[in-house]
mmCIF file of all heavy atoms, coordinates in Angstrom:
data_MODEL
# 
_entry.id   MODEL 
# 
loop_
_atom_site.group_PDB 
_atom_site.id 
_atom_site.type_symbol 
_atom_site.label_atom_id 
_atom_site.label_alt_id 
_atom_site.label_comp_id 
_atom_site.label_asym_id 
_atom_site.label_entity_id 
_atom_site.label_seq_id 
_atom_site.pdbx_PDB_ins_code 
_atom_site.Cartn_x 
_atom_site.Cartn_y 
_atom_site.Cartn_z 
_atom_site.occupancy 
_atom_site.B_iso_or_equiv 
_atom_site.pdbx_formal_charge 
_atom_site.auth_seq_id 
_atom_site.auth_comp_id 
_atom_site.auth_asym_id 
_atom_site.auth_atom_id 
_atom_site.pdbx_PDB_model_num 
ATOM 1   N N   . TYR A 1 1  ? 14.727 23.727 264.761 1.00 0.00 ? 1  TYR A N   1 
ATOM 2   C CA  . TYR A 1 1  ? 15.754 24.651 263.904 1.00 0.00 ? 1  TYR A CA  1 
ATOM 3   C C   . TYR A 1 1  ? 15.528 24.399 262.520 1.00 0.00 ? 1  TYR A C   1 
ATOM 4   O O   . TYR A 1 1  ? 15.745 25.265 261.676 1.00 0.00 ? 1  TYR A O   1 
ATOM 5   C CB  . TYR A 1 1  ? 17.174 24.307 264.482 1.00 0.00 ? 1  TYR A CB  1 
ATOM 6   C CG  . TYR A 1 1  ? 17.458 24.868 265.822 1.00 0.00 ? 1  TYR A CG  1 
ATOM 7   C CD1 . TYR A 1 1  ? 17.147 24.198 266.958 1.00 0.00 ? 1  TYR A CD1 1 
ATOM 8   C CD2 . TYR A 1 1  ? 17.977 26.159 265.910 1.00 0.00 ? 1  TYR A CD2 1 
ATOM 9   C CE1 . TYR A 1 1  ? 17.346 24.843 268.200 1.00 0.00 ? 1  TYR A CE1 1 
ATOM 10  C CE2 . TYR A 1 1  ? 18.327 26.759 267.148 1.00 0.00 ? 1  TYR A CE2 1 
ATOM 11  C CZ  . TYR A 1 1  ? 18.002 25.903 268.270 1.00 0.00 ? 1  TYR A CZ  1 
ATOM 12  O OH  . TYR A 1 1  ? 18.328 26.518 269.549 1.00 0.00 ? 1  TYR A OH  1 
ATOM 13  N N   . LEU A 1 2  ? 15.193 23.190 262.012 1.00 0.00 ? 2  LEU A N   1 
ATOM 14  C CA  . LEU A 1 2  ? 14.837 22.929 260.688 1.00 0.00 ? 2  LEU A CA  1 
ATOM 15  C C   . LEU A 1 2  ? 13.558 23.777 260.206 1.00 0.00 ? 2  LEU A C   1 
ATOM 16  O O   . LEU A 1 2  ? 13.651 24.405 259.117 1.00 0.00 ? 2  LEU A O   1 
ATOM 17  C CB  . LEU A 1 2  ? 14.468 21.527 260.445 1.00 0.00 ? 2  LEU A CB  1 
ATOM 18  C CG  . LEU A 1 2  ? 15.689 20.514 260.382 1.00 0.00 ? 2  LEU A CG  1 
ATOM 19  C CD1 . LEU A 1 2  ? 15.202 19.064 260.407 1.00 0.00 ? 2  LEU A CD1 1 
ATOM 20  C CD2 . LEU A 1 2  ? 16.625 20.766 259.241 1.00 0.00 ? 2  LEU A CD2 1 
ATOM 21  N N   . VAL A 1 3  ? 12.723 23.964 261.019 1.00 0.00 ? 3  VAL A N   1 
ATOM 22  C CA  . VAL A 1 3  ? 11.455 24.836 260.677 1.00 0.00 ? 3  VAL A CA  1 
ATOM 23  C C   . VAL A 1 3  ? 11.950 26.210 260.597 1.00 0.00 ? 3  VAL A C   1 
ATOM 24  O O   . VAL A 1 3  ? 11.553 27.022 259.740 1.00 0.00 ? 3  VAL A O   1 
ATOM 25  C CB  . VAL A 1 3  ? 10.388 24.618 261.794 1.00 0.00 ? 3  VAL A CB  1 
ATOM 26  C CG1 . VAL A 1 3  ? 9.331  25.806 261.710 1.00 0.00 ? 3  VAL A CG1 1 
ATOM 27  C CG2 . VAL A 1 3  ? 9.731  23.273 261.745 1.00 0.00 ? 3  VAL A CG2 1 
ATOM 28  N N   . ASP A 1 4  ? 12.717 26.655 261.599 1.00 0.00 ? 4  ASP A N   1 
ATOM 29  C CA  . ASP A 1 4  ? 13.398 28.053 261.440 1.00 0.00 ? 4  ASP A CA  1 
ATOM 30  C C   . ASP A 1 4  ? 14.059 28.290 260.207 1.00 0.00 ? 4  ASP A C   1 
ATOM 31  O O   . ASP A 1 4  ? 13.811 29.290 259.478 1.00 0.00 ? 4  ASP A O   1 
ATOM 32  C CB  . ASP A 1 4  ? 14.233 28.346 262.612 1.00 0.00 ? 4  ASP A CB  1 
ATOM 33  C CG  . ASP A 1 4  ? 13.633 28.839 263.811 1.00 0.00 ? 4  ASP A CG  1 
ATOM 34  O OD1 . ASP A 1 4  ? 12.483 29.355 263.798 1.00 0.00 ? 4  ASP A OD1 1 
ATOM 35  O OD2 . ASP A 1 4  ? 14.313 28.949 264.932 1.00 0.00 ? 4  ASP A OD2 1 
ATOM 36  N N   . ALA A 1 5  ? 14.964 27.411 259.832 1.00 0.00 ? 5  ALA A N   1 
ATOM 37  C CA  . ALA A 1 5  ? 15.789 27.574 258.709 1.00 0.00 ? 5  ALA A CA  1 
ATOM 38  C C   . ALA A 1 5  ? 15.069 27.519 257.382 1.00 0.00 ? 5  ALA A C   1 
ATOM 39  O O   . ALA A 1 5  ? 15.317 28.289 256.548 1.00 0.00 ? 5  ALA A O   1 
ATOM 40  C CB  . ALA A 1 5  ? 16.964 26.514 258.696 1.00 0.00 ? 5  ALA A CB  1 
ATOM 41  N N   . LEU A 1 6  ? 14.024 26.736 257.327 1.00 0.00 ? 6  LEU A N   1 
ATOM 42  C CA  . LEU A 1 6  ? 13.187 26.639 256.129 1.00 0.00 ? 6  LEU A CA  1 
ATOM 43  C C   . LEU A 1 6  ? 12.371 27.851 255.934 1.00 0.00 ? 6  LEU A C   1 
ATOM 44  O O   . LEU A 1 6  ? 12.351 28.459 254.826 1.00 0.00 ? 6  LEU A O   1 
ATOM 45  C CB  . LEU A 1 6  ? 12.317 25.334 256.180 1.00 0.00 ? 6  LEU A CB  1 
ATOM 46  C CG  . LEU A 1 6  ? 12.883 24.042 256.048 1.00 0.00 ? 6  LEU A CG  1 
ATOM 47  C CD1 . LEU A 1 6  ? 11.832 22.943 256.492 1.00 0.00 ? 6  LEU A CD1 1 
ATOM 48  C CD2 . LEU A 1 6  ? 13.355 23.767 254.530 1.00 0.00 ? 6  LEU A CD2 1 
ATOM 49  N N   . LEU A 1 7  ? 11.820 28.249 257.041 1.00 0.00 ? 7  LEU A N   1 
ATOM 50  C CA  . LEU A 1 7  ? 10.889 29.615 256.981 1.00 0.00 ? 7  LEU A CA  1 
ATOM 51  C C   . LEU A 1 7  ? 11.890 30.857 256.580 1.00 0.00 ? 7  LEU A C   1 
ATOM 52  O O   . LEU A 1 7  ? 11.503 31.609 255.812 1.00 0.00 ? 7  LEU A O   1 
ATOM 53  C CB  . LEU A 1 7  ? 10.248 29.845 258.259 1.00 0.00 ? 7  LEU A CB  1 
ATOM 54  C CG  . LEU A 1 7  ? 9.045  28.886 258.580 1.00 0.00 ? 7  LEU A CG  1 
ATOM 55  C CD1 . LEU A 1 7  ? 8.525  28.966 259.999 1.00 0.00 ? 7  LEU A CD1 1 
ATOM 56  C CD2 . LEU A 1 7  ? 7.944  29.040 257.569 1.00 0.00 ? 7  LEU A CD2 1 
ATOM 57  N N   . ASP A 1 8  ? 13.057 30.894 257.300 1.00 0.00 ? 8  ASP A N   1 
ATOM 58  C CA  . ASP A 1 8  ? 13.886 32.012 256.965 1.00 0.00 ? 8  ASP A CA  1 
ATOM 59  C C   . ASP A 1 8  ? 14.443 32.096 255.580 1.00 0.00 ? 8  ASP A C   1 
ATOM 60  O O   . ASP A 1 8  ? 14.752 33.129 254.984 1.00 0.00 ? 8  ASP A O   1 
ATOM 61  C CB  . ASP A 1 8  ? 15.053 32.003 257.990 1.00 0.00 ? 8  ASP A CB  1 
ATOM 62  C CG  . ASP A 1 8  ? 14.594 32.357 259.518 1.00 0.00 ? 8  ASP A CG  1 
ATOM 63  O OD1 . ASP A 1 8  ? 13.412 32.749 259.673 1.00 0.00 ? 8  ASP A OD1 1 
ATOM 64  O OD2 . ASP A 1 8  ? 15.381 31.966 260.347 1.00 0.00 ? 8  ASP A OD2 1 
ATOM 65  N N   . ALA A 1 9  ? 14.423 30.835 255.041 1.00 0.00 ? 9  ALA A N   1 
ATOM 66  C CA  . ALA A 1 9  ? 14.943 30.749 253.577 1.00 0.00 ? 9  ALA A CA  1 
ATOM 67  C C   . ALA A 1 9  ? 13.775 30.906 252.585 1.00 0.00 ? 9  ALA A C   1 
ATOM 68  O O   . ALA A 1 9  ? 13.991 30.807 251.337 1.00 0.00 ? 9  ALA A O   1 
ATOM 69  C CB  . ALA A 1 9  ? 15.707 29.541 253.412 1.00 0.00 ? 9  ALA A CB  1 
ATOM 70  N N   . GLY A 1 10 ? 12.529 31.150 253.076 1.00 0.00 ? 10 GLY A N   1 
ATOM 71  C CA  . GLY A 1 10 ? 11.364 31.318 252.255 1.00 0.00 ? 10 GLY A CA  1 
ATOM 72  C C   . GLY A 1 10 ? 10.626 30.130 251.813 1.00 0.00 ? 10 GLY A C   1 
ATOM 73  O O   . GLY A 1 10 ? 9.915  30.092 250.868 1.00 0.00 ? 10 GLY A O   1 
ATOM 74  N N   . HIS A 1 11 ? 11.023 28.973 252.489 1.00 0.00 ? 11 HIS A N   1 
ATOM 75  C CA  . HIS A 1 11 ? 10.333 27.666 252.081 1.00 0.00 ? 11 HIS A CA  1 
ATOM 76  C C   . HIS A 1 11 ? 9.039  27.479 252.886 1.00 0.00 ? 11 HIS A C   1 
ATOM 77  O O   . HIS A 1 11 ? 8.789  28.326 253.818 1.00 0.00 ? 11 HIS A O   1 
ATOM 78  C CB  . HIS A 1 11 ? 11.250 26.455 252.294 1.00 0.00 ? 11 HIS A CB  1 
ATOM 79  C CG  . HIS A 1 11 ? 12.448 26.469 251.436 1.00 0.00 ? 11 HIS A CG  1 
ATOM 80  N ND1 . HIS A 1 11 ? 12.607 26.571 250.069 1.00 0.00 ? 11 HIS A ND1 1 
ATOM 81  C CD2 . HIS A 1 11 ? 13.796 26.549 251.901 1.00 0.00 ? 11 HIS A CD2 1 
ATOM 82  C CE1 . HIS A 1 11 ? 13.756 26.629 249.669 1.00 0.00 ? 11 HIS A CE1 1 
ATOM 83  N NE2 . HIS A 1 11 ? 14.520 26.611 250.747 1.00 0.00 ? 11 HIS A NE2 1 
ATOM 84  N N   . GLU A 1 12 ? 8.179  26.472 252.622 1.00 0.00 ? 12 GLU A N   1 
ATOM 85  C CA  . GLU A 1 12 ? 6.968  26.211 253.203 1.00 0.00 ? 12 GLU A CA  1 
ATOM 86  C C   . GLU A 1 12 ? 6.965  24.934 253.932 1.00 0.00 ? 12 GLU A C   1 
ATOM 87  O O   . GLU A 1 12 ? 6.850  23.827 253.236 1.00 0.00 ? 12 GLU A O   1 
ATOM 88  C CB  . GLU A 1 12 ? 5.779  26.231 252.249 1.00 0.00 ? 12 GLU A CB  1 
ATOM 89  C CG  . GLU A 1 12 ? 5.607  27.608 251.420 1.00 0.00 ? 12 GLU A CG  1 
ATOM 90  C CD  . GLU A 1 12 ? 4.484  27.475 250.535 1.00 0.00 ? 12 GLU A CD  1 
ATOM 91  O OE1 . GLU A 1 12 ? 3.438  26.792 250.697 1.00 0.00 ? 12 GLU A OE1 1 
ATOM 92  O OE2 . GLU A 1 12 ? 4.590  28.098 249.309 1.00 0.00 ? 12 GLU A OE2 1 
ATOM 93  N N   . PRO A 1 13 ? 7.153  24.808 255.220 1.00 0.00 ? 13 PRO A N   1 
ATOM 94  C CA  . PRO A 1 13 ? 7.195  23.600 255.962 1.00 0.00 ? 13 PRO A CA  1 
ATOM 95  C C   . PRO A 1 13 ? 5.846  22.978 256.000 1.00 0.00 ? 13 PRO A C   1 
ATOM 96  O O   . PRO A 1 13 ? 4.899  23.619 256.466 1.00 0.00 ? 13 PRO A O   1 
ATOM 97  C CB  . PRO A 1 13 ? 7.757  23.920 257.371 1.00 0.00 ? 13 PRO A CB  1 
ATOM 98  C CG  . PRO A 1 13 ? 8.340  25.342 257.229 1.00 0.00 ? 13 PRO A CG  1 
ATOM 99  C CD  . PRO A 1 13 ? 7.474  25.883 256.092 1.00 0.00 ? 13 PRO A CD  1 
ATOM 100 N N   . HIS A 1 14 ? 5.685  21.722 255.781 1.00 0.00 ? 14 HIS A N   1 
ATOM 101 C CA  . HIS A 1 14 ? 4.473  20.920 255.963 1.00 0.00 ? 14 HIS A CA  1 
ATOM 102 C C   . HIS A 1 14 ? 4.779  19.820 257.035 1.00 0.00 ? 14 HIS A C   1 
ATOM 103 O O   . HIS A 1 14 ? 5.618  18.931 256.663 1.00 0.00 ? 14 HIS A O   1 
ATOM 104 C CB  . HIS A 1 14 ? 3.937  20.241 254.710 1.00 0.00 ? 14 HIS A CB  1 
ATOM 105 C CG  . HIS A 1 14 ? 3.372  21.302 253.775 1.00 0.00 ? 14 HIS A CG  1 
ATOM 106 N ND1 . HIS A 1 14 ? 2.160  21.300 253.205 1.00 0.00 ? 14 HIS A ND1 1 
ATOM 107 C CD2 . HIS A 1 14 ? 3.934  22.481 253.145 1.00 0.00 ? 14 HIS A CD2 1 
ATOM 108 C CE1 . HIS A 1 14 ? 1.874  22.252 252.471 1.00 0.00 ? 14 HIS A CE1 1 
ATOM 109 N NE2 . HIS A 1 14 ? 3.016  22.937 252.383 1.00 0.00 ? 14 HIS A NE2 1 
ATOM 110 N N   . VAL A 1 15 ? 4.349  19.943 258.168 1.00 0.00 ? 15 VAL A N   1 
ATOM 111 C CA  . VAL A 1 15 ? 4.871  19.074 259.377 1.00 0.00 ? 15 VAL A CA  1 
ATOM 112 C C   . VAL A 1 15 ? 3.865  18.133 259.780 1.00 0.00 ? 15 VAL A C   1 
ATOM 113 O O   . VAL A 1 15 ? 2.732  18.420 260.020 1.00 0.00 ? 15 VAL A O   1 
ATOM 114 C CB  . VAL A 1 15 ? 5.230  19.950 260.459 1.00 0.00 ? 15 VAL A CB  1 
ATOM 115 C CG1 . VAL A 1 15 ? 6.018  19.188 261.530 1.00 0.00 ? 15 VAL A CG1 1 
ATOM 116 C CG2 . VAL A 1 15 ? 6.022  21.207 260.118 1.00 0.00 ? 15 VAL A CG2 1 
ATOM 117 N N   . LEU A 1 16 ? 4.308  16.748 259.842 1.00 0.00 ? 16 LEU A N   1 
ATOM 118 C CA  . LEU A 1 16 ? 3.567  15.747 260.536 1.00 0.00 ? 16 LEU A CA  1 
ATOM 119 C C   . LEU A 1 16 ? 3.671  15.896 262.031 1.00 0.00 ? 16 LEU A C   1 
ATOM 120 O O   . LEU A 1 16 ? 4.739  15.860 262.514 1.00 0.00 ? 16 LEU A O   1 
ATOM 121 C CB  . LEU A 1 16 ? 3.972  14.452 260.041 1.00 0.00 ? 16 LEU A CB  1 
ATOM 122 C CG  . LEU A 1 16 ? 3.214  13.149 260.609 1.00 0.00 ? 16 LEU A CG  1 
ATOM 123 C CD1 . LEU A 1 16 ? 1.841  13.145 259.869 1.00 0.00 ? 16 LEU A CD1 1 
ATOM 124 C CD2 . LEU A 1 16 ? 3.916  11.840 260.250 1.00 0.00 ? 16 LEU A CD2 1 
ATOM 125 N N   . VAL A 1 17 ? 2.500  16.064 262.697 1.00 0.00 ? 17 VAL A N   1 
ATOM 126 C CA  . VAL A 1 17 ? 2.456  16.320 264.141 1.00 0.00 ? 17 VAL A CA  1 
ATOM 127 C C   . VAL A 1 17 ? 1.617  15.278 264.846 1.00 0.00 ? 17 VAL A C   1 
ATOM 128 O O   . VAL A 1 17 ? 0.384  15.098 264.403 1.00 0.00 ? 17 VAL A O   1 
ATOM 129 C CB  . VAL A 1 17 ? 2.029  17.690 264.438 1.00 0.00 ? 17 VAL A CB  1 
ATOM 130 C CG1 . VAL A 1 17 ? 1.893  17.967 265.940 1.00 0.00 ? 17 VAL A CG1 1 
ATOM 131 C CG2 . VAL A 1 17 ? 2.924  18.700 263.841 1.00 0.00 ? 17 VAL A CG2 1 
ATOM 132 N N   . ARG A 1 18 ? 2.075  14.608 265.836 1.00 0.00 ? 18 ARG A N   1 
ATOM 133 C CA  . ARG A 1 18 ? 1.244  13.626 266.465 1.00 0.00 ? 18 ARG A CA  1 
ATOM 134 C C   . ARG A 1 18 ? 0.146  14.378 267.323 1.00 0.00 ? 18 ARG A C   1 
ATOM 135 O O   . ARG A 1 18 ? 0.443  15.495 267.837 1.00 0.00 ? 18 ARG A O   1 
ATOM 136 C CB  . ARG A 1 18 ? 2.105  12.903 267.543 1.00 0.00 ? 18 ARG A CB  1 
ATOM 137 C CG  . ARG A 1 18 ? 3.061  11.814 266.868 1.00 0.00 ? 18 ARG A CG  1 
ATOM 138 C CD  . ARG A 1 18 ? 3.900  11.100 267.967 1.00 0.00 ? 18 ARG A CD  1 
ATOM 139 N NE  . ARG A 1 18 ? 4.756  12.181 268.584 1.00 0.00 ? 18 ARG A NE  1 
ATOM 140 C CZ  . ARG A 1 18 ? 5.444  11.962 269.747 1.00 0.00 ? 18 ARG A CZ  1 
ATOM 141 N NH1 . ARG A 1 18 ? 5.390  10.709 270.393 1.00 0.00 ? 18 ARG A NH1 1 
ATOM 142 N NH2 . ARG A 1 18 ? 6.180  12.889 270.215 1.00 0.00 ? 18 ARG A NH2 1 
ATOM 143 N N   . PRO A 1 19 ? -1.063 13.935 267.232 1.00 0.00 ? 19 PRO A N   1 
ATOM 144 C CA  . PRO A 1 19 ? -2.143 14.589 268.044 1.00 0.00 ? 19 PRO A CA  1 
ATOM 145 C C   . PRO A 1 19 ? -1.659 14.780 269.480 1.00 0.00 ? 19 PRO A C   1 
ATOM 146 O O   . PRO A 1 19 ? -1.077 13.919 270.174 1.00 0.00 ? 19 PRO A O   1 
ATOM 147 C CB  . PRO A 1 19 ? -3.304 13.524 267.982 1.00 0.00 ? 19 PRO A CB  1 
ATOM 148 C CG  . PRO A 1 19 ? -2.940 12.768 266.669 1.00 0.00 ? 19 PRO A CG  1 
ATOM 149 C CD  . PRO A 1 19 ? -1.461 12.645 266.508 1.00 0.00 ? 19 PRO A CD  1 
ATOM 150 N N   . GLY A 1 20 ? -1.814 15.953 269.958 1.00 0.00 ? 20 GLY A N   1 
ATOM 151 C CA  . GLY A 1 20 ? -1.483 16.304 271.298 1.00 0.00 ? 20 GLY A CA  1 
ATOM 152 C C   . GLY A 1 20 ? -0.142 16.887 271.418 1.00 0.00 ? 20 GLY A C   1 
ATOM 153 O O   . GLY A 1 20 ? 0.223  17.391 272.512 1.00 0.00 ? 20 GLY A O   1 
ATOM 154 N N   . SER A 1 21 ? 0.638  16.839 270.297 1.00 0.00 ? 21 SER A N   1 
ATOM 155 C CA  . SER A 1 21 ? 1.973  17.581 270.221 1.00 0.00 ? 21 SER A CA  1 
ATOM 156 C C   . SER A 1 21 ? 2.002  18.901 269.470 1.00 0.00 ? 21 SER A C   1 
ATOM 157 O O   . SER A 1 21 ? 3.065  19.377 269.264 1.00 0.00 ? 21 SER A O   1 
ATOM 158 C CB  . SER A 1 21 ? 2.941  16.587 269.737 1.00 0.00 ? 21 SER A CB  1 
ATOM 159 O OG  . SER A 1 21 ? 3.117  15.455 270.483 1.00 0.00 ? 21 SER A OG  1 
ATOM 160 N N   . GLU A 1 22 ? 0.854  19.502 269.213 1.00 0.00 ? 22 GLU A N   1 
ATOM 161 C CA  . GLU A 1 22 ? 0.711  20.623 268.450 1.00 0.00 ? 22 GLU A CA  1 
ATOM 162 C C   . GLU A 1 22 ? 1.500  21.801 269.118 1.00 0.00 ? 22 GLU A C   1 
ATOM 163 O O   . GLU A 1 22 ? 2.125  22.581 268.425 1.00 0.00 ? 22 GLU A O   1 
ATOM 164 C CB  . GLU A 1 22 ? -0.670 21.088 268.226 1.00 0.00 ? 22 GLU A CB  1 
ATOM 165 C CG  . GLU A 1 22 ? -1.478 20.095 267.339 1.00 0.00 ? 22 GLU A CG  1 
ATOM 166 C CD  . GLU A 1 22 ? -2.092 18.950 268.249 1.00 0.00 ? 22 GLU A CD  1 
ATOM 167 O OE1 . GLU A 1 22 ? -1.827 18.821 269.478 1.00 0.00 ? 22 GLU A OE1 1 
ATOM 168 O OE2 . GLU A 1 22 ? -2.813 18.092 267.661 1.00 0.00 ? 22 GLU A OE2 1 
ATOM 169 N N   . ASN A 1 23 ? 1.482  21.905 270.481 1.00 0.00 ? 23 ASN A N   1 
ATOM 170 C CA  . ASN A 1 23 ? 2.155  22.942 271.168 1.00 0.00 ? 23 ASN A CA  1 
ATOM 171 C C   . ASN A 1 23 ? 3.702  22.826 271.109 1.00 0.00 ? 23 ASN A C   1 
ATOM 172 O O   . ASN A 1 23 ? 4.417  23.655 271.552 1.00 0.00 ? 23 ASN A O   1 
ATOM 173 C CB  . ASN A 1 23 ? 1.706  22.986 272.608 1.00 0.00 ? 23 ASN A CB  1 
ATOM 174 C CG  . ASN A 1 23 ? 2.088  21.750 273.463 1.00 0.00 ? 23 ASN A CG  1 
ATOM 175 O OD1 . ASN A 1 23 ? 2.265  20.673 272.792 1.00 0.00 ? 23 ASN A OD1 1 
ATOM 176 N ND2 . ASN A 1 23 ? 2.066  21.916 274.730 1.00 0.00 ? 23 ASN A ND2 1 
ATOM 177 N N   . LYS A 1 24 ? 4.199  21.622 270.612 1.00 0.00 ? 24 LYS A N   1 
ATOM 178 C CA  . LYS A 1 24 ? 5.589  21.537 270.545 1.00 0.00 ? 24 LYS A CA  1 
ATOM 179 C C   . LYS A 1 24 ? 6.187  22.046 269.262 1.00 0.00 ? 24 LYS A C   1 
ATOM 180 O O   . LYS A 1 24 ? 7.416  22.082 268.972 1.00 0.00 ? 24 LYS A O   1 
ATOM 181 C CB  . LYS A 1 24 ? 5.969  20.032 270.701 1.00 0.00 ? 24 LYS A CB  1 
ATOM 182 C CG  . LYS A 1 24 ? 5.604  19.419 272.025 1.00 0.00 ? 24 LYS A CG  1 
ATOM 183 C CD  . LYS A 1 24 ? 5.964  17.854 272.088 1.00 0.00 ? 24 LYS A CD  1 
ATOM 184 C CE  . LYS A 1 24 ? 5.677  17.265 273.449 1.00 0.00 ? 24 LYS A CE  1 
ATOM 185 N NZ  . LYS A 1 24 ? 6.000  15.876 273.440 1.00 0.00 ? 24 LYS A NZ  1 
ATOM 186 N N   . LEU A 1 25 ? 5.386  22.354 268.316 1.00 0.00 ? 25 LEU A N   1 
ATOM 187 C CA  . LEU A 1 25 ? 5.715  22.741 267.013 1.00 0.00 ? 25 LEU A CA  1 
ATOM 188 C C   . LEU A 1 25 ? 6.154  24.276 266.972 1.00 0.00 ? 25 LEU A C   1 
ATOM 189 O O   . LEU A 1 25 ? 5.362  25.158 267.279 1.00 0.00 ? 25 LEU A O   1 
ATOM 190 C CB  . LEU A 1 25 ? 4.761  22.539 266.016 1.00 0.00 ? 25 LEU A CB  1 
ATOM 191 C CG  . LEU A 1 25 ? 5.058  22.971 264.484 1.00 0.00 ? 25 LEU A CG  1 
ATOM 192 C CD1 . LEU A 1 25 ? 6.299  22.246 264.038 1.00 0.00 ? 25 LEU A CD1 1 
ATOM 193 C CD2 . LEU A 1 25 ? 3.843  22.783 263.583 1.00 0.00 ? 25 LEU A CD2 1 
ATOM 194 N N   . HIS A 1 26 ? 7.452  24.554 266.692 1.00 0.00 ? 26 HIS A N   1 
ATOM 195 C CA  . HIS A 1 26 ? 7.845  25.896 266.679 1.00 0.00 ? 26 HIS A CA  1 
ATOM 196 C C   . HIS A 1 26 ? 7.309  26.680 265.460 1.00 0.00 ? 26 HIS A C   1 
ATOM 197 O O   . HIS A 1 26 ? 7.328  26.189 264.410 1.00 0.00 ? 26 HIS A O   1 
ATOM 198 C CB  . HIS A 1 26 ? 9.541  25.833 266.601 1.00 0.00 ? 26 HIS A CB  1 
ATOM 199 C CG  . HIS A 1 26 ? 10.113 27.140 266.806 1.00 0.00 ? 26 HIS A CG  1 
ATOM 200 N ND1 . HIS A 1 26 ? 10.036 27.969 267.971 1.00 0.00 ? 26 HIS A ND1 1 
ATOM 201 C CD2 . HIS A 1 26 ? 11.067 27.874 266.013 1.00 0.00 ? 26 HIS A CD2 1 
ATOM 202 C CE1 . HIS A 1 26 ? 10.751 28.907 267.834 1.00 0.00 ? 26 HIS A CE1 1 
ATOM 203 N NE2 . HIS A 1 26 ? 11.451 28.959 266.614 1.00 0.00 ? 26 HIS A NE2 1 
ATOM 204 N N   . ARG A 1 27 ? 6.864  27.929 265.818 1.00 0.00 ? 27 ARG A N   1 
ATOM 205 C CA  . ARG A 1 27 ? 6.235  28.725 264.684 1.00 0.00 ? 27 ARG A CA  1 
ATOM 206 C C   . ARG A 1 27 ? 5.221  28.083 263.942 1.00 0.00 ? 27 ARG A C   1 
ATOM 207 O O   . ARG A 1 27 ? 5.093  28.060 262.743 1.00 0.00 ? 27 ARG A O   1 
ATOM 208 C CB  . ARG A 1 27 ? 7.428  29.253 263.676 1.00 0.00 ? 27 ARG A CB  1 
ATOM 209 C CG  . ARG A 1 27 ? 8.437  30.093 264.468 1.00 0.00 ? 27 ARG A CG  1 
ATOM 210 C CD  . ARG A 1 27 ? 9.729  30.404 263.641 1.00 0.00 ? 27 ARG A CD  1 
ATOM 211 N NE  . ARG A 1 27 ? 9.449  31.248 262.443 1.00 0.00 ? 27 ARG A NE  1 
ATOM 212 C CZ  . ARG A 1 27 ? 10.396 31.701 261.706 1.00 0.00 ? 27 ARG A CZ  1 
ATOM 213 N NH1 . ARG A 1 27 ? 11.733 31.417 261.913 1.00 0.00 ? 27 ARG A NH1 1 
ATOM 214 N NH2 . ARG A 1 27 ? 10.010 32.539 260.692 1.00 0.00 ? 27 ARG A NH2 1 
ATOM 215 N N   . ALA A 1 28 ? 4.355  27.408 264.738 1.00 0.00 ? 28 ALA A N   1 
ATOM 216 C CA  . ALA A 1 28 ? 3.287  26.694 264.263 1.00 0.00 ? 28 ALA A CA  1 
ATOM 217 C C   . ALA A 1 28 ? 2.304  27.385 263.278 1.00 0.00 ? 28 ALA A C   1 
ATOM 218 O O   . ALA A 1 28 ? 1.840  26.865 262.245 1.00 0.00 ? 28 ALA A O   1 
ATOM 219 C CB  . ALA A 1 28 ? 2.475  26.014 265.297 1.00 0.00 ? 28 ALA A CB  1 
ATOM 220 N N   . SER A 1 29 ? 2.147  28.745 263.508 1.00 0.00 ? 29 SER A N   1 
ATOM 221 C CA  . SER A 1 29 ? 1.205  29.539 262.749 1.00 0.00 ? 29 SER A CA  1 
ATOM 222 C C   . SER A 1 29 ? 1.677  29.733 261.278 1.00 0.00 ? 29 SER A C   1 
ATOM 223 O O   . SER A 1 29 ? 1.044  30.109 260.338 1.00 0.00 ? 29 SER A O   1 
ATOM 224 C CB  . SER A 1 29 ? 0.934  30.816 263.386 1.00 0.00 ? 29 SER A CB  1 
ATOM 225 O OG  . SER A 1 29 ? 2.116  31.678 263.462 1.00 0.00 ? 29 SER A OG  1 
# 
């Protein structure tokens, strides 16, 4: 939901993701 809120407000999320957890990131693209 933080990713959603940041993107919807026009911000750029830079996310630390554990290897193997890439599919857990919402709106990863």
